[in-house]
PDB file of N, CA and C in Angstrom:
ATOM      1  N   MET A   1     -20.745  11.880  23.271  1.00  0.00           N
ATOM      2  CA  MET A   1     -19.824  12.279  22.229  1.00  0.00           C
ATOM      3  C   MET A   1     -19.369  11.039  21.476  1.00  0.00           C
ATOM      4  N   THR A   2     -19.288  11.151  20.181  1.00  0.00           N
ATOM      5  CA  THR A   2     -18.876  10.046  19.323  1.00  0.00           C
ATOM      6  C   THR A   2     -17.360   9.927  19.317  1.00  0.00           C
ATOM      7  N   ASN A   3     -16.875   8.700  19.348  1.00  0.00           N
ATOM      8  CA  ASN A   3     -15.447   8.438  19.285  1.00  0.00           C
ATOM      9  C   ASN A   3     -15.017   8.391  17.818  1.00  0.00           C
ATOM     10  N   LEU A   4     -14.403   9.457  17.350  1.00  0.00           N
ATOM     11  CA  LEU A   4     -13.941   9.522  15.977  1.00  0.00           C
ATOM     12  C   LEU A   4     -12.495   9.047  15.899  1.00  0.00           C
ATOM     13  N   SER A   5     -12.286   7.993  15.141  1.00  0.00           N
ATOM     14  CA  SER A   5     -10.926   7.508  14.948  1.00  0.00           C
ATOM     15  C   SER A   5     -10.843   6.845  13.584  1.00  0.00           C
ATOM     16  N   TRP A   6      -9.632   6.626  13.152  1.00  0.00           N
ATOM     17  CA  TRP A   6      -9.401   5.973  11.868  1.00  0.00           C
ATOM     18  C   TRP A   6      -9.187   4.481  12.047  1.00  0.00           C
ATOM     19  N   GLY A   7      -9.408   3.978  13.245  1.00  0.00           N
ATOM     20  CA  GLY A   7      -9.195   2.560  13.534  1.00  0.00           C
ATOM     21  C   GLY A   7     -10.033   1.636  12.666  1.00  0.00           C
ATOM     22  N   LYS A   8     -11.310   1.990  12.469  1.00  0.00           N
ATOM     23  CA  LYS A   8     -12.175   1.151  11.631  1.00  0.00           C
ATOM     24  C   LYS A   8     -11.689   1.139  10.187  1.00  0.00           C
ATOM     25  N   ASN A   9     -11.242   2.278   9.713  1.00  0.00           N
ATOM     26  CA  ASN A   9     -10.729   2.338   8.351  1.00  0.00           C
ATOM     27  C   ASN A   9      -9.464   1.493   8.215  1.00  0.00           C
ATOM     28  N   ALA A  10      -8.549   1.612   9.161  1.00  0.00           N
ATOM     29  CA  ALA A  10      -7.312   0.830   9.112  1.00  0.00           C
ATOM     30  C   ALA A  10      -7.621  -0.659   9.170  1.00  0.00           C
ATOM     31  N   ALA A  11      -8.595  -1.054   9.987  1.00  0.00           N
ATOM     32  CA  ALA A  11      -8.987  -2.458  10.086  1.00  0.00           C
ATOM     33  C   ALA A  11      -9.601  -2.951   8.773  1.00  0.00           C
ATOM     34  N   ALA A  12     -10.403  -2.111   8.139  1.00  0.00           N
ATOM     35  CA  ALA A  12     -11.012  -2.486   6.861  1.00  0.00           C
ATOM     36  C   ALA A  12      -9.958  -2.623   5.768  1.00  0.00           C
ATOM     37  N   VAL A  13      -8.988  -1.710   5.754  1.00  0.00           N
ATOM     38  CA  VAL A  13      -7.899  -1.785   4.780  1.00  0.00           C
ATOM     39  C   VAL A  13      -7.089  -3.058   4.998  1.00  0.00           C
ATOM     40  N   GLU A  14      -6.789  -3.357   6.253  1.00  0.00           N
ATOM     41  CA  GLU A  14      -6.033  -4.574   6.559  1.00  0.00           C
ATOM     42  C   GLU A  14      -6.813  -5.822   6.134  1.00  0.00           C
ATOM     43  N   LYS A  15      -8.096  -5.862   6.425  1.00  0.00           N
ATOM     44  CA  LYS A  15      -8.922  -7.019   6.073  1.00  0.00           C
ATOM     45  C   LYS A  15      -8.950  -7.230   4.559  1.00  0.00           C
ATOM     46  N   LYS A  16      -9.158  -6.163   3.817  1.00  0.00           N
ATOM     47  CA  LYS A  16      -9.209  -6.263   2.360  1.00  0.00           C
ATOM     48  C   LYS A  16      -7.862  -6.720   1.802  1.00  0.00           C
ATOM     49  N   ALA A  17      -6.776  -6.196   2.348  1.00  0.00           N
ATOM     50  CA  ALA A  17      -5.443  -6.598   1.897  1.00  0.00           C
ATOM     51  C   ALA A  17      -5.188  -8.071   2.226  1.00  0.00           C
ATOM     52  N   GLN A  18      -5.625  -8.515   3.402  1.00  0.00           N
ATOM     53  CA  GLN A  18      -5.468  -9.924   3.781  1.00  0.00           C
ATOM     54  C   GLN A  18      -6.225 -10.843   2.811  1.00  0.00           C
ATOM     55  N   GLN A  19      -7.389 -10.416   2.374  1.00  0.00           N
ATOM     56  CA  GLN A  19      -8.161 -11.205   1.416  1.00  0.00           C
ATOM     57  C   GLN A  19      -7.403 -11.364   0.101  1.00  0.00           C
ATOM     58  N   TRP A  20      -6.760 -10.298  -0.348  1.00  0.00           N
ATOM     59  CA  TRP A  20      -5.993 -10.384  -1.587  1.00  0.00           C
ATOM     60  C   TRP A  20      -4.718 -11.194  -1.413  1.00  0.00           C
ATOM     61  N   LEU A  21      -4.190 -11.235  -0.196  1.00  0.00           N
ATOM     62  CA  LEU A  21      -3.020 -12.081   0.054  1.00  0.00           C
ATOM     63  C   LEU A  21      -3.347 -13.540  -0.231  1.00  0.00           C
ATOM     64  N   TYR A  22      -4.544 -13.962   0.098  1.00  0.00           N
ATOM     65  CA  TYR A  22      -4.957 -15.336  -0.187  1.00  0.00           C
ATOM     66  C   TYR A  22      -4.876 -15.599  -1.690  1.00  0.00           C
ATOM     67  N   PHE A  23      -5.350 -14.666  -2.494  1.00  0.00           N
ATOM     68  CA  PHE A  23      -5.298 -14.815  -3.943  1.00  0.00           C
ATOM     69  C   PHE A  23      -3.848 -14.899  -4.430  1.00  0.00           C
ATOM     70  N   ILE A  24      -2.978 -14.085  -3.870  1.00  0.00           N
ATOM     71  CA  ILE A  24      -1.567 -14.115  -4.274  1.00  0.00           C
ATOM     72  C   ILE A  24      -0.932 -15.449  -3.867  1.00  0.00           C
ATOM     73  N   ARG A  25      -1.335 -15.989  -2.715  1.00  0.00           N
ATOM     74  CA  ARG A  25      -0.857 -17.323  -2.322  1.00  0.00           C
ATOM     75  C   ARG A  25      -1.264 -18.371  -3.351  1.00  0.00           C
ATOM     76  N   LEU A  26      -2.497 -18.279  -3.854  1.00  0.00           N
ATOM     77  CA  LEU A  26      -2.958 -19.210  -4.883  1.00  0.00           C
ATOM     78  C   LEU A  26      -2.120 -19.081  -6.155  1.00  0.00           C
ATOM     79  N   LEU A  27      -1.780 -17.852  -6.504  1.00  0.00           N
ATOM     80  CA  LEU A  27      -0.935 -17.642  -7.675  1.00  0.00           C
ATOM     81  C   LEU A  27       0.439 -18.294  -7.480  1.00  0.00           C
ATOM     82  N   LYS A  28       0.971 -18.184  -6.280  1.00  0.00           N
ATOM     83  CA  LYS A  28       2.265 -18.801  -5.996  1.00  0.00           C
ATOM     84  C   LYS A  28       2.162 -20.319  -6.084  1.00  0.00           C
ATOM     85  N   LYS A  29       1.085 -20.887  -5.541  1.00  0.00           N
ATOM     86  CA  LYS A  29       0.887 -22.335  -5.625  1.00  0.00           C
ATOM     87  C   LYS A  29       0.756 -22.801  -7.072  1.00  0.00           C
ATOM     88  N   ALA A  30       0.259 -21.912  -7.926  1.00  0.00           N
ATOM     89  CA  ALA A  30       0.125 -22.240  -9.350  1.00  0.00           C
ATOM     90  C   ALA A  30       1.468 -22.192 -10.073  1.00  0.00           C
ATOM     91  N   GLY A  31       2.521 -21.750  -9.372  1.00  0.00           N
ATOM     92  CA  GLY A  31       3.860 -21.785  -9.945  1.00  0.00           C
ATOM     93  C   GLY A  31       4.365 -20.477 -10.528  1.00  0.00           C
ATOM     94  N   LEU A  32       3.713 -19.366 -10.253  1.00  0.00           N
ATOM     95  CA  LEU A  32       4.191 -18.095 -10.779  1.00  0.00           C
ATOM     96  C   LEU A  32       5.492 -17.684 -10.095  1.00  0.00           C
ATOM     97  N   SER A  33       6.347 -17.003 -10.838  1.00  0.00           N
ATOM     98  CA  SER A  33       7.614 -16.534 -10.292  1.00  0.00           C
ATOM     99  C   SER A  33       7.398 -15.249  -9.495  1.00  0.00           C
ATOM    100  N   HIS A  34       8.485 -14.741  -8.907  1.00  0.00           N
ATOM    101  CA  HIS A  34       8.353 -13.563  -8.038  1.00  0.00           C
ATOM    102  C   HIS A  34       7.919 -12.310  -8.792  1.00  0.00           C
ATOM    103  N   ARG A  35       8.276 -12.178 -10.045  1.00  0.00           N
ATOM    104  CA  ARG A  35       7.912 -10.954 -10.778  1.00  0.00           C
ATOM    105  C   ARG A  35       6.395 -10.788 -10.938  1.00  0.00           C
ATOM    106  N   PRO A  36       5.666 -11.800 -11.455  1.00  0.00           N
ATOM    107  CA  PRO A  36       4.211 -11.622 -11.532  1.00  0.00           C
ATOM    108  C   PRO A  36       3.541 -11.546 -10.156  1.00  0.00           C
ATOM    109  N   LEU A  37       4.123 -12.202  -9.161  1.00  0.00           N
ATOM    110  CA  LEU A  37       3.571 -12.101  -7.811  1.00  0.00           C
ATOM    111  C   LEU A  37       3.729 -10.685  -7.275  1.00  0.00           C
ATOM    112  N   THR A  38       4.874 -10.069  -7.551  1.00  0.00           N
ATOM    113  CA  THR A  38       5.098  -8.691  -7.133  1.00  0.00           C
ATOM    114  C   THR A  38       4.153  -7.749  -7.872  1.00  0.00           C
ATOM    115  N   GLN A  39       3.924  -8.008  -9.148  1.00  0.00           N
ATOM    116  CA  GLN A  39       2.980  -7.182  -9.902  1.00  0.00           C
ATOM    117  C   GLN A  39       1.563  -7.323  -9.356  1.00  0.00           C
ATOM    118  N   ALA A  40       1.201  -8.541  -8.946  1.00  0.00           N
ATOM    119  CA  ALA A  40      -0.116  -8.751  -8.337  1.00  0.00           C
ATOM    120  C   ALA A  40      -0.209  -7.970  -7.033  1.00  0.00           C
ATOM    121  N   TYR A  41       0.867  -7.980  -6.238  1.00  0.00           N
ATOM    122  CA  TYR A  41       0.884  -7.192  -4.999  1.00  0.00           C
ATOM    123  C   TYR A  41       0.660  -5.713  -5.307  1.00  0.00           C
ATOM    124  N   ARG A  42       1.389  -5.202  -6.285  1.00  0.00           N
ATOM    125  CA  ARG A  42       1.275  -3.769  -6.607  1.00  0.00           C
ATOM    126  C   ARG A  42      -0.128  -3.399  -7.049  1.00  0.00           C
ATOM    127  N   GLY A  43      -0.738  -4.238  -7.852  1.00  0.00           N
ATOM    128  CA  GLY A  43      -2.062  -3.933  -8.368  1.00  0.00           C
ATOM    129  C   GLY A  43      -3.184  -4.169  -7.374  1.00  0.00           C
ATOM    130  N   LEU A  44      -3.030  -5.182  -6.527  1.00  0.00           N
ATOM    131  CA  LEU A  44      -4.123  -5.559  -5.636  1.00  0.00           C
ATOM    132  C   LEU A  44      -3.984  -5.006  -4.222  1.00  0.00           C
ATOM    133  N   ILE A  45      -2.806  -5.097  -3.657  1.00  0.00           N
ATOM    134  CA  ILE A  45      -2.637  -4.731  -2.247  1.00  0.00           C
ATOM    135  C   ILE A  45      -2.108  -3.311  -2.083  1.00  0.00           C
ATOM    136  N   GLU A  46      -1.072  -2.962  -2.830  1.00  0.00           N
ATOM    137  CA  GLU A  46      -0.520  -1.607  -2.685  1.00  0.00           C
ATOM    138  C   GLU A  46      -1.557  -0.559  -3.038  1.00  0.00           C
ATOM    139  N   SER A  47      -2.397  -0.852  -4.024  1.00  0.00           N
ATOM    140  CA  SER A  47      -3.435   0.114  -4.395  1.00  0.00           C
ATOM    141  C   SER A  47      -4.443   0.312  -3.257  1.00  0.00           C
ATOM    142  N   ILE A  48      -4.736  -0.746  -2.508  1.00  0.00           N
ATOM    143  CA  ILE A  48      -5.642  -0.639  -1.358  1.00  0.00           C
ATOM    144  C   ILE A  48      -4.990   0.185  -0.253  1.00  0.00           C
ATOM    145  N   LEU A  49      -3.711  -0.105   0.002  1.00  0.00           N
ATOM    146  CA  LEU A  49      -3.005   0.590   1.079  1.00  0.00           C
ATOM    147  C   LEU A  49      -2.836   2.080   0.792  1.00  0.00           C
ATOM    148  N   THR A  50      -2.639   2.450  -0.456  1.00  0.00           N
ATOM    149  CA  THR A  50      -2.367   3.849  -0.773  1.00  0.00           C
ATOM    150  C   THR A  50      -3.624   4.686  -0.988  1.00  0.00           C
ATOM    151  N   ASN A  51      -4.784   4.059  -1.041  1.00  0.00           N
ATOM    152  CA  ASN A  51      -6.024   4.797  -1.246  1.00  0.00           C
ATOM    153  C   ASN A  51      -6.317   5.683  -0.028  1.00  0.00           C
ATOM    154  N   GLY A  52      -6.090   6.957  -0.152  1.00  0.00           N
ATOM    155  CA  GLY A  52      -6.354   7.914   0.909  1.00  0.00           C
ATOM    156  C   GLY A  52      -5.375   7.866   2.066  1.00  0.00           C
ATOM    157  N   ILE A  53      -4.229   7.242   1.864  1.00  0.00           N
ATOM    158  CA  ILE A  53      -3.278   7.038   2.960  1.00  0.00           C
ATOM    159  C   ILE A  53      -2.763   8.350   3.544  1.00  0.00           C
ATOM    160  N   THR A  54      -2.685   9.390   2.739  1.00  0.00           N
ATOM    161  CA  THR A  54      -2.195  10.669   3.268  1.00  0.00           C
ATOM    162  C   THR A  54      -3.164  11.253   4.289  1.00  0.00           C
ATOM    163  N   VAL A  55      -4.418  10.868   4.225  1.00  0.00           N
ATOM    164  CA  VAL A  55      -5.424  11.373   5.158  1.00  0.00           C
ATOM    165  C   VAL A  55      -5.443  10.550   6.445  1.00  0.00           C
ATOM    166  N   TRP A  56      -5.509   9.230   6.315  1.00  0.00           N
ATOM    167  CA  TRP A  56      -5.770   8.402   7.487  1.00  0.00           C
ATOM    168  C   TRP A  56      -4.533   7.836   8.177  1.00  0.00           C
ATOM    169  N   PHE A  57      -3.418   7.672   7.489  1.00  0.00           N
ATOM    170  CA  PHE A  57      -2.272   6.986   8.090  1.00  0.00           C
ATOM    171  C   PHE A  57      -1.707   7.724   9.297  1.00  0.00           C
ATOM    172  N   GLY A  58      -1.630   9.024   9.233  1.00  0.00           N
ATOM    173  CA  GLY A  58      -1.089   9.802  10.338  1.00  0.00           C
ATOM    174  C   GLY A  58      -1.926   9.729  11.607  1.00  0.00           C
ATOM    175  N   ASN A  59      -3.161   9.300  11.477  1.00  0.00           N
ATOM    176  CA  ASN A  59      -4.057   9.212  12.628  1.00  0.00           C
ATOM    177  C   ASN A  59      -4.258   7.785  13.130  1.00  0.00           C
ATOM    178  N   THR A  60      -3.429   6.858  12.679  1.00  0.00           N
ATOM    179  CA  THR A  60      -3.546   5.485  13.150  1.00  0.00           C
ATOM    180  C   THR A  60      -2.645   5.261  14.361  1.00  0.00           C
ATOM    181  N   THR A  61      -2.995   4.259  15.145  1.00  0.00           N
ATOM    182  CA  THR A  61      -2.181   3.916  16.303  1.00  0.00           C
ATOM    183  C   THR A  61      -0.999   3.063  15.868  1.00  0.00           C
ATOM    184  N   GLN A  62      -0.047   2.902  16.755  1.00  0.00           N
ATOM    185  CA  GLN A  62       1.119   2.070  16.461  1.00  0.00           C
ATOM    186  C   GLN A  62       0.685   0.629  16.175  1.00  0.00           C
ATOM    187  N   ALA A  63      -0.292   0.130  16.910  1.00  0.00           N
ATOM    188  CA  ALA A  63      -0.786  -1.238  16.706  1.00  0.00           C
ATOM    189  C   ALA A  63      -1.408  -1.395  15.317  1.00  0.00           C
ATOM    190  N   GLU A  64      -2.156  -0.384  14.872  1.00  0.00           N
ATOM    191  CA  GLU A  64      -2.770  -0.435  13.537  1.00  0.00           C
ATOM    192  C   GLU A  64      -1.703  -0.398  12.454  1.00  0.00           C
ATOM    193  N   ARG A  65      -0.666   0.392  12.655  1.00  0.00           N
ATOM    194  CA  ARG A  65       0.429   0.449  11.686  1.00  0.00           C
ATOM    195  C   ARG A  65       1.179  -0.875  11.620  1.00  0.00           C
ATOM    196  N   LYS A  66       1.359  -1.502  12.790  1.00  0.00           N
ATOM    197  CA  LYS A  66       2.029  -2.808  12.810  1.00  0.00           C
ATOM    198  C   LYS A  66       1.205  -3.848  12.071  1.00  0.00           C
ATOM    199  N   ALA A  67      -0.121  -3.795  12.217  1.00  0.00           N
ATOM    200  CA  ALA A  67      -0.997  -4.741  11.511  1.00  0.00           C
ATOM    201  C   ALA A  67      -0.859  -4.571  10.000  1.00  0.00           C
ATOM    202  N   LEU A  68      -0.812  -3.321   9.548  1.00  0.00           N
ATOM    203  CA  LEU A  68      -0.628  -3.061   8.119  1.00  0.00           C
ATOM    204  C   LEU A  68       0.757  -3.505   7.656  1.00  0.00           C
ATOM    205  N   GLN A  69       1.760  -3.303   8.499  1.00  0.00           N
ATOM    206  CA  GLN A  69       3.116  -3.726   8.159  1.00  0.00           C
ATOM    207  C   GLN A  69       3.186  -5.254   8.052  1.00  0.00           C
ATOM    208  N   ARG A  70       2.428  -5.966   8.882  1.00  0.00           N
ATOM    209  CA  ARG A  70       2.391  -7.434   8.795  1.00  0.00           C
ATOM    210  C   ARG A  70       1.873  -7.888   7.438  1.00  0.00           C
ATOM    211  N   VAL A  71       0.887  -7.168   6.909  1.00  0.00           N
ATOM    212  CA  VAL A  71       0.376  -7.488   5.574  1.00  0.00           C
ATOM    213  C   VAL A  71       1.508  -7.388   4.556  1.00  0.00           C
ATOM    214  N   LEU A  72       2.282  -6.309   4.646  1.00  0.00           N
ATOM    215  CA  LEU A  72       3.382  -6.121   3.707  1.00  0.00           C
ATOM    216  C   LEU A  72       4.451  -7.199   3.864  1.00  0.00           C
ATOM    217  N   LYS A  73       4.773  -7.548   5.090  1.00  0.00           N
ATOM    218  CA  LYS A  73       5.783  -8.584   5.327  1.00  0.00           C
ATOM    219  C   LYS A  73       5.311  -9.933   4.791  1.00  0.00           C
ATOM    220  N   THR A  74       4.031 -10.226   4.957  1.00  0.00           N
ATOM    221  CA  THR A  74       3.489 -11.476   4.421  1.00  0.00           C
ATOM    222  C   THR A  74       3.554 -11.479   2.899  1.00  0.00           C
ATOM    223  N   ALA A  75       3.182 -10.370   2.288  1.00  0.00           N
ATOM    224  CA  ALA A  75       3.269 -10.258   0.819  1.00  0.00           C
ATOM    225  C   ALA A  75       4.711 -10.404   0.359  1.00  0.00           C
ATOM    226  N   GLU A  76       5.630  -9.857   1.121  1.00  0.00           N
ATOM    227  CA  GLU A  76       7.060  -9.961   0.811  1.00  0.00           C
ATOM    228  C   GLU A  76       7.506 -11.424   0.831  1.00  0.00           C
ATOM    229  N   ARG A  77       7.085 -12.166   1.851  1.00  0.00           N
ATOM    230  CA  ARG A  77       7.454 -13.584   1.939  1.00  0.00           C
ATOM    231  C   ARG A  77       6.854 -14.383   0.790  1.00  0.00           C
ATOM    232  N   ILE A  78       5.604 -14.102   0.450  1.00  0.00           N
ATOM    233  CA  ILE A  78       4.936 -14.838  -0.614  1.00  0.00           C
ATOM    234  C   ILE A  78       5.584 -14.563  -1.959  1.00  0.00           C
ATOM    235  N   SER A  79       5.834 -13.286  -2.246  1.00  0.00           N
ATOM    236  CA  SER A  79       6.352 -12.909  -3.570  1.00  0.00           C
ATOM    237  C   SER A  79       7.849 -13.136  -3.714  1.00  0.00           C
ATOM    238  N   GLY A  80       8.557 -13.177  -2.596  1.00  0.00           N
ATOM    239  CA  GLY A  80      10.009 -13.336  -2.670  1.00  0.00           C
ATOM    240  C   GLY A  80      10.717 -12.056  -3.075  1.00  0.00           C
ATOM    241  N   SER A  81      10.042 -10.925  -2.967  1.00  0.00           N
ATOM    242  CA  SER A  81      10.602  -9.628  -3.347  1.00  0.00           C
ATOM    243  C   SER A  81      10.630  -8.703  -2.143  1.00  0.00           C
ATOM    244  N   ASP A  82      11.559  -7.751  -2.166  1.00  0.00           N
ATOM    245  CA  ASP A  82      11.588  -6.720  -1.131  1.00  0.00           C
ATOM    246  C   ASP A  82      10.502  -5.699  -1.448  1.00  0.00           C
ATOM    247  N   LEU A  83       9.644  -5.435  -0.477  1.00  0.00           N
ATOM    248  CA  LEU A  83       8.560  -4.476  -0.648  1.00  0.00           C
ATOM    249  C   LEU A  83       8.744  -3.332   0.331  1.00  0.00           C
ATOM    250  N   PRO A  84       8.192  -2.172   0.023  1.00  0.00           N
ATOM    251  CA  PRO A  84       8.363  -1.001   0.892  1.00  0.00           C
ATOM    252  C   PRO A  84       7.571  -1.125   2.183  1.00  0.00           C
ATOM    253  N   SER A  85       8.014  -0.401   3.201  1.00  0.00           N
ATOM    254  CA  SER A  85       7.285  -0.357   4.464  1.00  0.00           C
ATOM    255  C   SER A  85       6.066   0.541   4.316  1.00  0.00           C
ATOM    256  N   THR A  86       5.166   0.487   5.288  1.00  0.00           N
ATOM    257  CA  THR A  86       3.985   1.349   5.241  1.00  0.00           C
ATOM    258  C   THR A  86       4.376   2.817   5.313  1.00  0.00           C
ATOM    259  N   ASN A  87       5.444   3.135   6.049  1.00  0.00           N
ATOM    260  CA  ASN A  87       5.899   4.529   6.110  1.00  0.00           C
ATOM    261  C   ASN A  87       6.393   4.992   4.749  1.00  0.00           C
ATOM    262  N   THR A  88       7.094   4.123   4.025  1.00  0.00           N
ATOM    263  CA  THR A  88       7.579   4.475   2.693  1.00  0.00           C
ATOM    264  C   THR A  88       6.417   4.684   1.743  1.00  0.00           C
ATOM    265  N   VAL A  89       5.417   3.817   1.829  1.00  0.00           N
ATOM    266  CA  VAL A  89       4.218   3.952   0.985  1.00  0.00           C
ATOM    267  C   VAL A  89       3.528   5.277   1.280  1.00  0.00           C
ATOM    268  N   ARG A  90       3.377   5.609   2.560  1.00  0.00           N
ATOM    269  CA  ARG A  90       2.721   6.852   2.945  1.00  0.00           C
ATOM    270  C   ARG A  90       3.499   8.066   2.459  1.00  0.00           C
ATOM    271  N   ASN A  91       4.822   8.034   2.613  1.00  0.00           N
ATOM    272  CA  ASN A  91       5.647   9.162   2.177  1.00  0.00           C
ATOM    273  C   ASN A  91       5.565   9.364   0.673  1.00  0.00           C
ATOM    274  N   ALA A  92       5.558   8.270  -0.094  1.00  0.00           N
ATOM    275  CA  ALA A  92       5.433   8.385  -1.547  1.00  0.00           C
ATOM    276  C   ALA A  92       4.074   8.962  -1.926  1.00  0.00           C
ATOM    277  N   ALA A  93       3.033   8.524  -1.239  1.00  0.00           N
ATOM    278  CA  ALA A  93       1.696   9.060  -1.518  1.00  0.00           C
ATOM    279  C   ALA A  93       1.614  10.536  -1.166  1.00  0.00           C
ATOM    280  N   ALA A  94       2.249  10.931  -0.071  1.00  0.00           N
ATOM    281  CA  ALA A  94       2.252  12.343   0.324  1.00  0.00           C
ATOM    282  C   ALA A  94       2.987  13.191  -0.707  1.00  0.00           C
ATOM    283  N   LYS A  95       4.087  12.687  -1.232  1.00  0.00           N
ATOM    284  CA  LYS A  95       4.826  13.407  -2.275  1.00  0.00           C
ATOM    285  C   LYS A  95       3.963  13.578  -3.513  1.00  0.00           C
ATOM    286  N   MET A  96       3.229  12.517  -3.880  1.00  0.00           N
ATOM    287  CA  MET A  96       2.351  12.614  -5.047  1.00  0.00           C
ATOM    288  C   MET A  96       1.276  13.661  -4.817  1.00  0.00           C
ATOM    289  N   TYR A  97       0.704  13.680  -3.628  1.00  0.00           N
ATOM    290  CA  TYR A  97      -0.344  14.652  -3.320  1.00  0.00           C
ATOM    291  C   TYR A  97       0.193  16.074  -3.403  1.00  0.00           C
ATOM    292  N   ARG A  98       1.358  16.306  -2.774  1.00  0.00           N
ATOM    293  CA  ARG A  98       1.942  17.647  -2.800  1.00  0.00           C
ATOM    294  C   ARG A  98       2.274  18.072  -4.230  1.00  0.00           C
ATOM    295  N   ALA A  99       2.812  17.159  -5.013  1.00  0.00           N
ATOM    296  CA  ALA A  99       3.173  17.496  -6.387  1.00  0.00           C
ATOM    297  C   ALA A  99       1.937  17.785  -7.226  1.00  0.00           C
ATOM    298  N   SER A 100       0.866  17.005  -7.010  1.00  0.00           N
ATOM    299  CA  SER A 100      -0.337  17.197  -7.821  1.00  0.00           C
ATOM    300  C   SER A 100      -1.091  18.472  -7.425  1.00  0.00           C
ATOM    301  N   SER A 101      -0.931  18.912  -6.195  1.00  0.00           N
ATOM    302  CA  SER A 101      -1.632  20.126  -5.783  1.00  0.00           C
ATOM    303  C   SER A 101      -0.800  21.379  -6.012  1.00  0.00           C
ATOM    304  N   GLY A 102       0.410  21.219  -6.524  1.00  0.00           N
ATOM    305  CA  GLY A 102       1.288  22.359  -6.742  1.00  0.00           C
ATOM    306  C   GLY A 102       1.087  23.059  -8.070  1.00  0.00           C
ATOM    307  N   GLY A 103       0.251  22.492  -8.948  1.00  0.00           N
ATOM    308  CA  GLY A 103      -0.029  23.159 -10.212  1.00  0.00           C
ATOM    309  C   GLY A 103       1.049  22.978 -11.261  1.00  0.00           C
ATOM    310  N   HIS A 104       1.834  21.943 -11.165  1.00  0.00           N
ATOM    311  CA  HIS A 104       2.870  21.706 -12.167  1.00  0.00           C
ATOM    312  C   HIS A 104       2.943  20.221 -12.475  1.00  0.00           C
ATOM    313  N   THR A 105       3.649  19.890 -13.547  1.00  0.00           N
ATOM    314  CA  THR A 105       3.845  18.505 -13.947  1.00  0.00           C
ATOM    315  C   THR A 105       5.069  17.963 -13.239  1.00  0.00           C
ATOM    316  N   SER A 106       4.963  16.774 -12.718  1.00  0.00           N
ATOM    317  CA  SER A 106       6.114  16.166 -12.077  1.00  0.00           C
ATOM    318  C   SER A 106       6.130  14.673 -12.340  1.00  0.00           C
ATOM    319  N   GLN A 107       7.304  14.119 -12.445  1.00  0.00           N
ATOM    320  CA  GLN A 107       7.490  12.686 -12.609  1.00  0.00           C
ATOM    321  C   GLN A 107       7.915  12.125 -11.260  1.00  0.00           C
ATOM    322  N   LEU A 108       7.183  11.162 -10.747  1.00  0.00           N
ATOM    323  CA  LEU A 108       7.489  10.579  -9.449  1.00  0.00           C
ATOM    324  C   LEU A 108       7.714   9.087  -9.596  1.00  0.00           C
ATOM    325  N   THR A 109       8.587   8.554  -8.794  1.00  0.00           N
ATOM    326  CA  THR A 109       8.753   7.116  -8.728  1.00  0.00           C
ATOM    327  C   THR A 109       8.149   6.649  -7.419  1.00  0.00           C
ATOM    328  N   LEU A 110       7.112   5.831  -7.516  1.00  0.00           N
ATOM    329  CA  LEU A 110       6.468   5.309  -6.325  1.00  0.00           C
ATOM    330  C   LEU A 110       7.372   4.303  -5.653  1.00  0.00           C
ATOM    331  N   CYS A 111       7.046   3.953  -4.420  1.00  0.00           N
ATOM    332  CA  CYS A 111       7.846   2.993  -3.680  1.00  0.00           C
ATOM    333  C   CYS A 111       7.873   1.644  -4.387  1.00  0.00           C
ATOM    334  N   SER A 112       6.884   1.345  -5.211  1.00  0.00           N
ATOM    335  CA  SER A 112       6.873   0.083  -5.936  1.00  0.00           C
ATOM    336  C   SER A 112       7.761   0.132  -7.172  1.00  0.00           C
ATOM    337  N   GLY A 113       8.313   1.307  -7.470  1.00  0.00           N
ATOM    338  CA  GLY A 113       9.160   1.454  -8.644  1.00  0.00           C
ATOM    339  C   GLY A 113       8.400   1.924  -9.871  1.00  0.00           C
ATOM    340  N   THR A 114       7.118   2.161  -9.743  1.00  0.00           N
ATOM    341  CA  THR A 114       6.288   2.584 -10.860  1.00  0.00           C
ATOM    342  C   THR A 114       6.430   4.092 -11.059  1.00  0.00           C
ATOM    343  N   ASN A 115       6.654   4.521 -12.293  1.00  0.00           N
ATOM    344  CA  ASN A 115       6.712   5.952 -12.592  1.00  0.00           C
ATOM    345  C   ASN A 115       5.305   6.458 -12.829  1.00  0.00           C
ATOM    346  N   THR A 116       4.990   7.583 -12.232  1.00  0.00           N
ATOM    347  CA  THR A 116       3.677   8.181 -12.361  1.00  0.00           C
ATOM    348  C   THR A 116       3.854   9.651 -12.708  1.00  0.00           C
ATOM    349  N   GLN A 117       3.100  10.122 -13.672  1.00  0.00           N
ATOM    350  CA  GLN A 117       3.173  11.527 -14.053  1.00  0.00           C
ATOM    351  C   GLN A 117       1.845  12.179 -13.749  1.00  0.00           C
ATOM    352  N   HIS A 118       1.898  13.267 -13.007  1.00  0.00           N
ATOM    353  CA  HIS A 118       0.692  14.022 -12.652  1.00  0.00           C
ATOM    354  C   HIS A 118       0.728  15.359 -13.371  1.00  0.00           C
ATOM    355  N   ILE A 119      -0.366  15.689 -14.014  1.00  0.00           N
ATOM    356  CA  ILE A 119      -0.482  16.998 -14.648  1.00  0.00           C
ATOM    357  C   ILE A 119      -1.712  17.670 -14.053  1.00  0.00           C
ATOM    358  N   THR A 120      -1.500  18.824 -13.445  1.00  0.00           N
ATOM    359  CA  THR A 120      -2.636  19.549 -12.846  1.00  0.00           C
ATOM    360  C   THR A 120      -2.783  20.899 -13.470  1.00  0.00           C
TER     361      THR A 120
END
């Protein structure tokens, strides 16, 4: 029997996010302030973390969630901004999914503060 788990996916997401953290560190060394660093986080790392998070996050182990949370804490230290936890990111993504599948237009504020409008 095959061992089906989301562990490989969580590890791949963490690895990809860690790679982008290096790029954000370079931006900080170049002298960027916290605002563009936070925008880089939102575009590069938060987008990776939220891709399919409503499907796989609930099936991850506590250790995998802690690894993902470490990515966020590192990004927080680099950017100098308060960033949402992985649970907050997952909850916002779940709200977006529920709203988009409900057949109506809704305005949502993501954990990053970005307004998103879904029309289905």
